[in-house]
Amino acid sequence: MREYIPVLLFLVVAIGFAGGTIGLFSIIVPRRRNAVKNSAYECGVDPVGDARERFSIKFYLVAVLFILFSIEAVFLYPWAVAFRQLGLYGLVEMALFIVILFVGYVYLLKKRALEWD
């Protein structure tokens, strides 16, 4: 249990710092509200249309695929750390994992899921 004390202390300091910063700035920062500050900001361009406008499903598909492939790449780090202990079995398993990723990527390219038409 003693080995968790630094983690708990770090968690308390992080939460305290975040809460203290938000609390301090909510007290210090002046509030001068007007119509310009309350309007939506679109990179210097006046907003066009409704905020609840529908997006193409391709937008969400590309976002999910980006997250999926990013997370799967993270699995390479623990494997690289334990590579020598895993031996040939670990090498074959990781090769199979990468082949499955590659087949999925080729499937997405064939379906043209990553193109913005």
C-alpha atoms as a PDB file:
ATOM      1  CA  MET A   1       0.000   0.000   0.000  1.00  0.00           C
ATOM      2  CA  ARG A   2       2.919   2.352   0.637  1.00  0.00           C
ATOM      3  CA  GLU A   3       3.931   2.262  -3.031  1.00  0.00           C
ATOM      4  CA  TYR A   4       0.635   3.989  -3.959  1.00  0.00           C
ATOM      5  CA  ILE A   5       1.238   7.013  -1.704  1.00  0.00           C
ATOM      6  CA  PRO A   6       3.238   8.963  -4.370  1.00  0.00           C
ATOM      7  CA  VAL A   7       0.509   8.289  -6.945  1.00  0.00           C
ATOM      8  CA  LEU A   8      -2.185   9.440  -4.521  1.00  0.00           C
ATOM      9  CA  LEU A   9      -0.144  12.527  -3.627  1.00  0.00           C
ATOM     10  CA  PHE A  10       0.350  13.350  -7.322  1.00  0.00           C
ATOM     11  CA  LEU A  11      -3.396  12.943  -7.924  1.00  0.00           C
ATOM     12  CA  VAL A  12      -4.253  15.257  -5.017  1.00  0.00           C
ATOM     13  CA  VAL A  13      -1.758  17.889  -6.210  1.00  0.00           C
ATOM     14  CA  ALA A  14      -3.048  17.693  -9.811  1.00  0.00           C
ATOM     15  CA  ILE A  15      -6.695  18.020  -8.787  1.00  0.00           C
ATOM     16  CA  GLY A  16      -5.852  20.790  -6.333  1.00  0.00           C
ATOM     17  CA  PHE A  17      -3.871  22.707  -8.942  1.00  0.00           C
ATOM     18  CA  ALA A  18      -6.623  22.384 -11.553  1.00  0.00           C
ATOM     19  CA  GLY A  19      -9.381  23.339  -9.121  1.00  0.00           C
ATOM     20  CA  GLY A  20      -7.350  26.171  -7.635  1.00  0.00           C
ATOM     21  CA  THR A  21      -6.506  27.612 -11.040  1.00  0.00           C
ATOM     22  CA  ILE A  22     -10.128  27.517 -12.195  1.00  0.00           C
ATOM     23  CA  GLY A  23     -11.331  28.996  -8.899  1.00  0.00           C
ATOM     24  CA  LEU A  24      -8.700  31.728  -8.892  1.00  0.00           C
ATOM     25  CA  PHE A  25      -9.418  32.803 -12.463  1.00  0.00           C
ATOM     26  CA  SER A  26     -13.177  32.804 -11.876  1.00  0.00           C
ATOM     27  CA  ILE A  27     -12.537  35.353  -9.094  1.00  0.00           C
ATOM     28  CA  ILE A  28      -9.834  37.470 -10.793  1.00  0.00           C
ATOM     29  CA  VAL A  29     -11.008  37.706 -14.416  1.00  0.00           C
ATOM     30  CA  PRO A  30     -13.285  40.693 -15.116  1.00  0.00           C
ATOM     31  CA  ARG A  31     -16.614  39.960 -16.759  1.00  0.00           C
ATOM     32  CA  ARG A  32     -17.518  42.479 -19.438  1.00  0.00           C
ATOM     33  CA  ARG A  33     -20.178  40.846 -21.547  1.00  0.00           C
ATOM     34  CA  ASN A  34     -21.437  42.363 -24.775  1.00  0.00           C
ATOM     35  CA  ALA A  35     -22.967  41.195 -28.046  1.00  0.00           C
ATOM     36  CA  VAL A  36     -19.630  40.796 -29.806  1.00  0.00           C
ATOM     37  CA  LYS A  37     -18.171  38.583 -27.074  1.00  0.00           C
ATOM     38  CA  ASN A  38     -21.317  36.447 -26.894  1.00  0.00           C
ATOM     39  CA  SER A  39     -21.387  35.779 -30.649  1.00  0.00           C
ATOM     40  CA  ALA A  40     -19.930  32.632 -32.171  1.00  0.00           C
ATOM     41  CA  TYR A  41     -16.355  32.904 -33.453  1.00  0.00           C
ATOM     42  CA  GLU A  42     -15.560  31.334 -36.816  1.00  0.00           C
ATOM     43  CA  CYS A  43     -11.918  32.292 -37.448  1.00  0.00           C
ATOM     44  CA  GLY A  44     -12.794  35.895 -38.163  1.00  0.00           C
ATOM     45  CA  VAL A  45     -15.643  35.012 -40.533  1.00  0.00           C
ATOM     46  CA  ASP A  46     -19.258  35.699 -39.623  1.00  0.00           C
ATOM     47  CA  PRO A  47     -21.034  32.429 -38.773  1.00  0.00           C
ATOM     48  CA  VAL A  48     -23.164  30.992 -41.565  1.00  0.00           C
ATOM     49  CA  GLY A  49     -26.061  28.621 -41.067  1.00  0.00           C
ATOM     50  CA  ASP A  50     -27.294  26.791 -38.022  1.00  0.00           C
ATOM     51  CA  ALA A  51     -25.036  25.253 -35.401  1.00  0.00           C
ATOM     52  CA  ARG A  52     -27.069  22.049 -35.603  1.00  0.00           C
ATOM     53  CA  GLU A  53     -26.270  21.477 -39.266  1.00  0.00           C
ATOM     54  CA  ARG A  54     -25.769  17.853 -40.270  1.00  0.00           C
ATOM     55  CA  PHE A  55     -22.292  16.661 -41.196  1.00  0.00           C
ATOM     56  CA  SER A  56     -21.473  13.951 -43.676  1.00  0.00           C
ATOM     57  CA  ILE A  57     -20.961  10.510 -42.176  1.00  0.00           C
ATOM     58  CA  LYS A  58     -17.493  10.507 -43.790  1.00  0.00           C
ATOM     59  CA  PHE A  59     -16.394  13.131 -41.273  1.00  0.00           C
ATOM     60  CA  TYR A  60     -17.202  10.833 -38.356  1.00  0.00           C
ATOM     61  CA  LEU A  61     -15.859   7.751 -40.120  1.00  0.00           C
ATOM     62  CA  VAL A  62     -12.463   9.342 -40.701  1.00  0.00           C
ATOM     63  CA  ALA A  63     -12.364  10.576 -37.084  1.00  0.00           C
ATOM     64  CA  VAL A  64     -13.153   7.105 -35.709  1.00  0.00           C
ATOM     65  CA  LEU A  65     -10.613   5.472 -38.024  1.00  0.00           C
ATOM     66  CA  PHE A  66      -7.942   7.946 -36.953  1.00  0.00           C
ATOM     67  CA  ILE A  67      -8.585   7.150 -33.290  1.00  0.00           C
ATOM     68  CA  LEU A  68      -8.717   3.417 -34.004  1.00  0.00           C
ATOM     69  CA  PHE A  69      -5.384   3.302 -35.838  1.00  0.00           C
ATOM     70  CA  SER A  70      -3.747   5.611 -33.276  1.00  0.00           C
ATOM     71  CA  ILE A  71      -4.804   3.412 -30.383  1.00  0.00           C
ATOM     72  CA  GLU A  72      -3.697   0.260 -32.155  1.00  0.00           C
ATOM     73  CA  ALA A  73      -0.264   1.770 -32.751  1.00  0.00           C
ATOM     74  CA  VAL A  74       0.062   2.244 -28.980  1.00  0.00           C
ATOM     75  CA  PHE A  75       0.054  -1.552 -28.585  1.00  0.00           C
ATOM     76  CA  LEU A  76       3.457  -1.663 -30.269  1.00  0.00           C
ATOM     77  CA  TYR A  77       5.189   0.043 -27.318  1.00  0.00           C
ATOM     78  CA  PRO A  78       4.654  -2.654 -24.651  1.00  0.00           C
ATOM     79  CA  TRP A  79       5.525  -5.283 -27.213  1.00  0.00           C
ATOM     80  CA  ALA A  80       8.796  -3.502 -28.025  1.00  0.00           C
ATOM     81  CA  VAL A  81       9.678  -3.295 -24.326  1.00  0.00           C
ATOM     82  CA  ALA A  82       9.047  -7.008 -23.743  1.00  0.00           C
ATOM     83  CA  PHE A  83      10.322  -8.175 -27.137  1.00  0.00           C
ATOM     84  CA  ARG A  84      13.231 -10.261 -25.824  1.00  0.00           C
ATOM     85  CA  GLN A  85      11.118 -12.056 -23.210  1.00  0.00           C
ATOM     86  CA  LEU A  86       8.359 -12.907 -25.707  1.00  0.00           C
ATOM     87  CA  GLY A  87      10.692 -14.509 -28.215  1.00  0.00           C
ATOM     88  CA  LEU A  88       9.422 -16.025 -31.453  1.00  0.00           C
ATOM     89  CA  TYR A  89       5.866 -16.345 -30.104  1.00  0.00           C
ATOM     90  CA  GLY A  90       5.660 -12.595 -29.498  1.00  0.00           C
ATOM     91  CA  LEU A  91       7.104 -11.853 -32.927  1.00  0.00           C
ATOM     92  CA  VAL A  92       4.534 -14.069 -34.665  1.00  0.00           C
ATOM     93  CA  GLU A  93       1.657 -12.595 -32.637  1.00  0.00           C
ATOM     94  CA  MET A  94       2.707  -9.026 -33.420  1.00  0.00           C
ATOM     95  CA  ALA A  95       3.178  -9.870 -37.100  1.00  0.00           C
ATOM     96  CA  LEU A  96      -0.357 -11.292 -37.120  1.00  0.00           C
ATOM     97  CA  PHE A  97      -1.640  -8.137 -35.414  1.00  0.00           C
ATOM     98  CA  ILE A  98       0.055  -5.895 -37.993  1.00  0.00           C
ATOM     99  CA  VAL A  99      -1.238  -8.050 -40.871  1.00  0.00           C
ATOM    100  CA  ILE A 100      -4.800  -7.693 -39.537  1.00  0.00           C
ATOM    101  CA  LEU A 101      -4.298  -3.914 -39.307  1.00  0.00           C
ATOM    102  CA  PHE A 102      -2.943  -3.826 -42.844  1.00  0.00           C
ATOM    103  CA  VAL A 103      -5.855  -5.881 -44.212  1.00  0.00           C
ATOM    104  CA  GLY A 104      -8.279  -3.474 -42.530  1.00  0.00           C
ATOM    105  CA  TYR A 105      -6.423  -0.511 -44.006  1.00  0.00           C
ATOM    106  CA  VAL A 106      -6.493  -2.025 -47.514  1.00  0.00           C
ATOM    107  CA  TYR A 107     -10.207  -2.730 -47.090  1.00  0.00           C
ATOM    108  CA  LEU A 108     -10.788   0.936 -46.200  1.00  0.00           C
ATOM    109  CA  LEU A 109      -8.800   2.051 -49.228  1.00  0.00           C
ATOM    110  CA  LYS A 110     -10.787  -0.265 -51.516  1.00  0.00           C
ATOM    111  CA  LYS A 111     -14.079   1.037 -50.072  1.00  0.00           C
ATOM    112  CA  ARG A 112     -12.753   4.602 -50.576  1.00  0.00           C
ATOM    113  CA  ALA A 113     -13.667   5.385 -46.971  1.00  0.00           C
ATOM    114  CA  LEU A 114     -10.776   7.811 -46.538  1.00  0.00           C
ATOM    115  CA  GLU A 115     -11.567  10.040 -49.525  1.00  0.00           C
ATOM    116  CA  TRP A 116     -13.304  13.407 -49.169  1.00  0.00           C
ATOM    117  CA  ASP A 117     -15.621  13.619 -52.160  1.00  0.00           C
END
